[in-house]
C-alpha atoms as a PDB file:
ATOM      1  CA  UNK A   1     -13.797  57.963 -11.306  1.00  0.00           C
ATOM      2  CA  UNK A   2     -13.871  54.143 -10.176  1.00  0.00           C
ATOM      3  CA  UNK A   3     -10.901  52.690  -8.793  1.00  0.00           C
ATOM      4  CA  UNK A   4      -9.442  50.483  -7.190  1.00  0.00           C
ATOM      5  CA  UNK A   5      -7.510  49.014  -3.856  1.00  0.00           C
ATOM      6  CA  UNK A   6      -5.025  46.624  -4.628  1.00  0.00           C
ATOM      7  CA  UNK A   7      -3.483  45.533  -1.700  1.00  0.00           C
ATOM      8  CA  UNK A   8      -0.600  43.529  -1.024  1.00  0.00           C
ATOM      9  CA  UNK A   9      -0.334  41.139   1.091  1.00  0.00           C
ATOM     10  CA  UNK A  10       1.149  41.182   4.907  1.00  0.00           C
ATOM     11  CA  UNK A  11       5.174  41.387   4.951  1.00  0.00           C
ATOM     12  CA  UNK A  12       5.118  38.122   7.256  1.00  0.00           C
ATOM     13  CA  UNK A  13       2.708  35.959   4.568  1.00  0.00           C
ATOM     14  CA  UNK A  14       5.273  34.325   3.459  1.00  0.00           C
ATOM     15  CA  UNK A  15       7.120  33.344   6.584  1.00  0.00           C
ATOM     16  CA  UNK A  16       3.663  32.190   8.385  1.00  0.00           C
ATOM     17  CA  UNK A  17       3.266  30.068   5.629  1.00  0.00           C
ATOM     18  CA  UNK A  18       6.618  28.980   6.047  1.00  0.00           C
ATOM     19  CA  UNK A  19       6.439  28.268   9.364  1.00  0.00           C
ATOM     20  CA  UNK A  20       3.621  26.135   9.794  1.00  0.00           C
ATOM     21  CA  UNK A  21       4.969  21.843   9.611  1.00  0.00           C
ATOM     22  CA  UNK A  22       4.214  20.713   6.512  1.00  0.00           C
ATOM     23  CA  UNK A  23       1.573  17.824   6.940  1.00  0.00           C
ATOM     24  CA  UNK A  24       2.940  14.224   7.914  1.00  0.00           C
ATOM     25  CA  UNK A  25       4.371  11.695   4.511  1.00  0.00           C
ATOM     26  CA  UNK A  26       0.616   9.627   5.314  1.00  0.00           C
ATOM     27  CA  UNK A  27       2.495   5.736   5.611  1.00  0.00           C
ATOM     28  CA  UNK A  28       3.325   3.484   3.157  1.00  0.00           C
ATOM     29  CA  UNK A  29       1.448   0.266   2.738  1.00  0.00           C
ATOM     30  CA  UNK A  30       2.659  -3.267   3.249  1.00  0.00           C
ATOM     31  CA  UNK A  31       0.710  -4.995   1.863  1.00  0.00           C
ATOM     32  CA  UNK A  32       2.883  -7.791   2.145  1.00  0.00           C
ATOM     33  CA  UNK A  33       3.684 -11.120   4.229  1.00  0.00           C
ATOM     34  CA  UNK A  34       6.512 -12.204   6.670  1.00  0.00           C
ATOM     35  CA  UNK A  35       7.695 -14.979   4.037  1.00  0.00           C
ATOM     36  CA  UNK A  36       6.301 -15.822   0.353  1.00  0.00           C
ATOM     37  CA  UNK A  37       5.312 -18.989   1.307  1.00  0.00           C
ATOM     38  CA  UNK A  38       2.663 -17.814   3.982  1.00  0.00           C
ATOM     39  CA  UNK A  39       1.684 -15.773   1.313  1.00  0.00           C
ATOM     40  CA  UNK A  40       1.215 -17.881  -1.908  1.00  0.00           C
ATOM     41  CA  UNK A  41      -1.157 -19.887   1.426  1.00  0.00           C
ATOM     42  CA  UNK A  42      -3.118 -16.403   1.654  1.00  0.00           C
ATOM     43  CA  UNK A  43      -3.588 -16.368  -1.945  1.00  0.00           C
ATOM     44  CA  UNK A  44      -4.831 -20.585  -2.408  1.00  0.00           C
ATOM     45  CA  UNK A  45      -7.229 -19.686   0.262  1.00  0.00           C
ATOM     46  CA  UNK A  46      -8.995 -16.427  -1.122  1.00  0.00           C
ATOM     47  CA  UNK A  47      -8.710 -17.639  -4.832  1.00  0.00           C
ATOM     48  CA  UNK A  48     -10.368 -21.466  -3.966  1.00  0.00           C
ATOM     49  CA  UNK A  49     -12.915 -19.326  -1.918  1.00  0.00           C
ATOM     50  CA  UNK A  50     -13.406 -17.060  -4.486  1.00  0.00           C
ATOM     51  CA  UNK A  51     -13.750 -19.651  -7.042  1.00  0.00           C
ATOM     52  CA  UNK A  52     -16.109 -22.384  -4.437  1.00  0.00           C
ATOM     53  CA  UNK A  53     -18.552 -19.406  -3.510  1.00  0.00           C
ATOM     54  CA  UNK A  54     -19.001 -19.453  -8.096  1.00  0.00           C
ATOM     55  CA  UNK A  55     -19.062 -22.231  -8.302  1.00  0.00           C
ATOM     56  CA  UNK A  56     -20.935 -23.693  -5.764  1.00  0.00           C
ATOM     57  CA  UNK A  57     -23.869 -21.427  -6.733  1.00  0.00           C
ATOM     58  CA  UNK A  58     -26.209 -23.855  -9.279  1.00  0.00           C
ATOM     59  CA  UNK A  59     -25.684 -26.451  -5.584  1.00  0.00           C
ATOM     60  CA  UNK A  60     -26.277 -24.165  -3.107  1.00  0.00           C
ATOM     61  CA  UNK A  61     -27.967 -21.324  -4.619  1.00  0.00           C
ATOM     62  CA  UNK A  62     -27.016 -17.802  -3.327  1.00  0.00           C
ATOM     63  CA  UNK A  63     -26.428 -18.305   0.445  1.00  0.00           C
ATOM     64  CA  UNK A  64     -23.363 -19.872  -1.239  1.00  0.00           C
ATOM     65  CA  UNK A  65     -22.078 -16.367  -2.610  1.00  0.00           C
ATOM     66  CA  UNK A  66     -21.367 -16.047   1.436  1.00  0.00           C
ATOM     67  CA  UNK A  67     -18.484 -17.665   1.538  1.00  0.00           C
ATOM     68  CA  UNK A  68     -17.461 -14.563  -0.984  1.00  0.00           C
ATOM     69  CA  UNK A  69     -16.526 -11.390   1.897  1.00  0.00           C
ATOM     70  CA  UNK A  70     -13.804 -14.228   3.326  1.00  0.00           C
ATOM     71  CA  UNK A  71     -12.056 -14.049   0.587  1.00  0.00           C
ATOM     72  CA  UNK A  72     -11.248 -10.638   1.166  1.00  0.00           C
ATOM     73  CA  UNK A  73      -9.835 -11.541   5.088  1.00  0.00           C
ATOM     74  CA  UNK A  74      -7.687 -13.736   3.442  1.00  0.00           C
ATOM     75  CA  UNK A  75      -6.265 -11.192   1.260  1.00  0.00           C
ATOM     76  CA  UNK A  76      -5.890  -8.216   3.048  1.00  0.00           C
ATOM     77  CA  UNK A  77      -7.838  -6.483   1.270  1.00  0.00           C
ATOM     78  CA  UNK A  78      -8.606  -7.297  -2.398  1.00  0.00           C
ATOM     79  CA  UNK A  79      -7.020  -9.621  -5.093  1.00  0.00           C
ATOM     80  CA  UNK A  80      -5.269  -6.657  -6.135  1.00  0.00           C
ATOM     81  CA  UNK A  81      -4.026  -5.778  -2.452  1.00  0.00           C
ATOM     82  CA  UNK A  82      -2.875  -9.858  -2.575  1.00  0.00           C
ATOM     83  CA  UNK A  83      -0.840  -8.287  -5.716  1.00  0.00           C
ATOM     84  CA  UNK A  84       0.604  -5.668  -4.368  1.00  0.00           C
ATOM     85  CA  UNK A  85       1.229  -7.740  -1.459  1.00  0.00           C
ATOM     86  CA  UNK A  86       3.214 -10.864  -3.621  1.00  0.00           C
ATOM     87  CA  UNK A  87       5.097  -8.488  -5.530  1.00  0.00           C
ATOM     88  CA  UNK A  88       6.764  -6.429  -2.125  1.00  0.00           C
ATOM     89  CA  UNK A  89       6.820  -9.695   0.183  1.00  0.00           C
ATOM     90  CA  UNK A  90       9.413 -11.132  -3.370  1.00  0.00           C
ATOM     91  CA  UNK A  91      11.047  -7.795  -3.540  1.00  0.00           C
ATOM     92  CA  UNK A  92      11.632  -7.305   0.448  1.00  0.00           C
ATOM     93  CA  UNK A  93      15.627  -6.655   1.454  1.00  0.00           C
ATOM     94  CA  UNK A  94      15.827  -6.722  -1.710  1.00  0.00           C
ATOM     95  CA  UNK A  95      15.313  -3.425  -2.636  1.00  0.00           C
ATOM     96  CA  UNK A  96      16.057  -0.281  -0.743  1.00  0.00           C
ATOM     97  CA  UNK A  97      14.778   3.595  -1.316  1.00  0.00           C
ATOM     98  CA  UNK A  98      15.951   6.898  -1.229  1.00  0.00           C
ATOM     99  CA  UNK A  99      15.203   9.788  -1.257  1.00  0.00           C
ATOM    100  CA  UNK A 100      16.680  12.786  -1.389  1.00  0.00           C
ATOM    101  CA  UNK A 101      15.429  16.855  -2.544  1.00  0.00           C
ATOM    102  CA  UNK A 102      11.353  15.867  -2.758  1.00  0.00           C
ATOM    103  CA  UNK A 103      13.589  12.954  -5.379  1.00  0.00           C
ATOM    104  CA  UNK A 104      13.392   9.154  -3.911  1.00  0.00           C
ATOM    105  CA  UNK A 105      14.843   6.249  -6.293  1.00  0.00           C
ATOM    106  CA  UNK A 106      14.630   2.806  -6.001  1.00  0.00           C
ATOM    107  CA  UNK A 107      18.345   0.767  -5.626  1.00  0.00           C
ATOM    108  CA  UNK A 108      19.628  -2.736  -5.353  1.00  0.00           C
ATOM    109  CA  UNK A 109      20.158  -2.742  -1.510  1.00  0.00           C
ATOM    110  CA  UNK A 110      23.678  -3.524  -0.121  1.00  0.00           C
ATOM    111  CA  UNK A 111      25.200  -6.666   0.735  1.00  0.00           C
ATOM    112  CA  UNK A 112      24.730  -6.542   4.268  1.00  0.00           C
ATOM    113  CA  UNK A 113      21.165  -5.104   4.251  1.00  0.00           C
ATOM    114  CA  UNK A 114      19.961  -8.106   2.831  1.00  0.00           C
ATOM    115  CA  UNK A 115      22.060 -10.414   4.806  1.00  0.00           C
ATOM    116  CA  UNK A 116      20.855  -8.448   8.149  1.00  0.00           C
ATOM    117  CA  UNK A 117      17.083  -8.922   6.997  1.00  0.00           C
ATOM    118  CA  UNK A 118      13.745  -7.908   6.935  1.00  0.00           C
ATOM    119  CA  UNK A 119      13.733  -5.074   9.733  1.00  0.00           C
ATOM    120  CA  UNK A 120      10.426  -6.707  11.925  1.00  0.00           C
END
């Protein structure tokens, strides 16, 4: 006769898992600039470098492509990061994220919070 010994989990298993601190939430990425004109200037420089590096290949050869990595510095990442930062810069101070019981919602900020401006 072949029997299998079934083991019950230890009584304290649940309490040990609950006692361990949860991993801290990763900080939200913030790609926003301090002002909209500054953000648009960074975008103009970044897109200008990309377009310029591609357009100058027939004239200056492959060396012109060395300007493209400078666009990454101007964008603070990729063009998508710049676009996300544009949305964050525009909405800064207008939207407020509230989390309760594991559910987060995005609502319009209170007028007093808007008057105070972003905290930097």
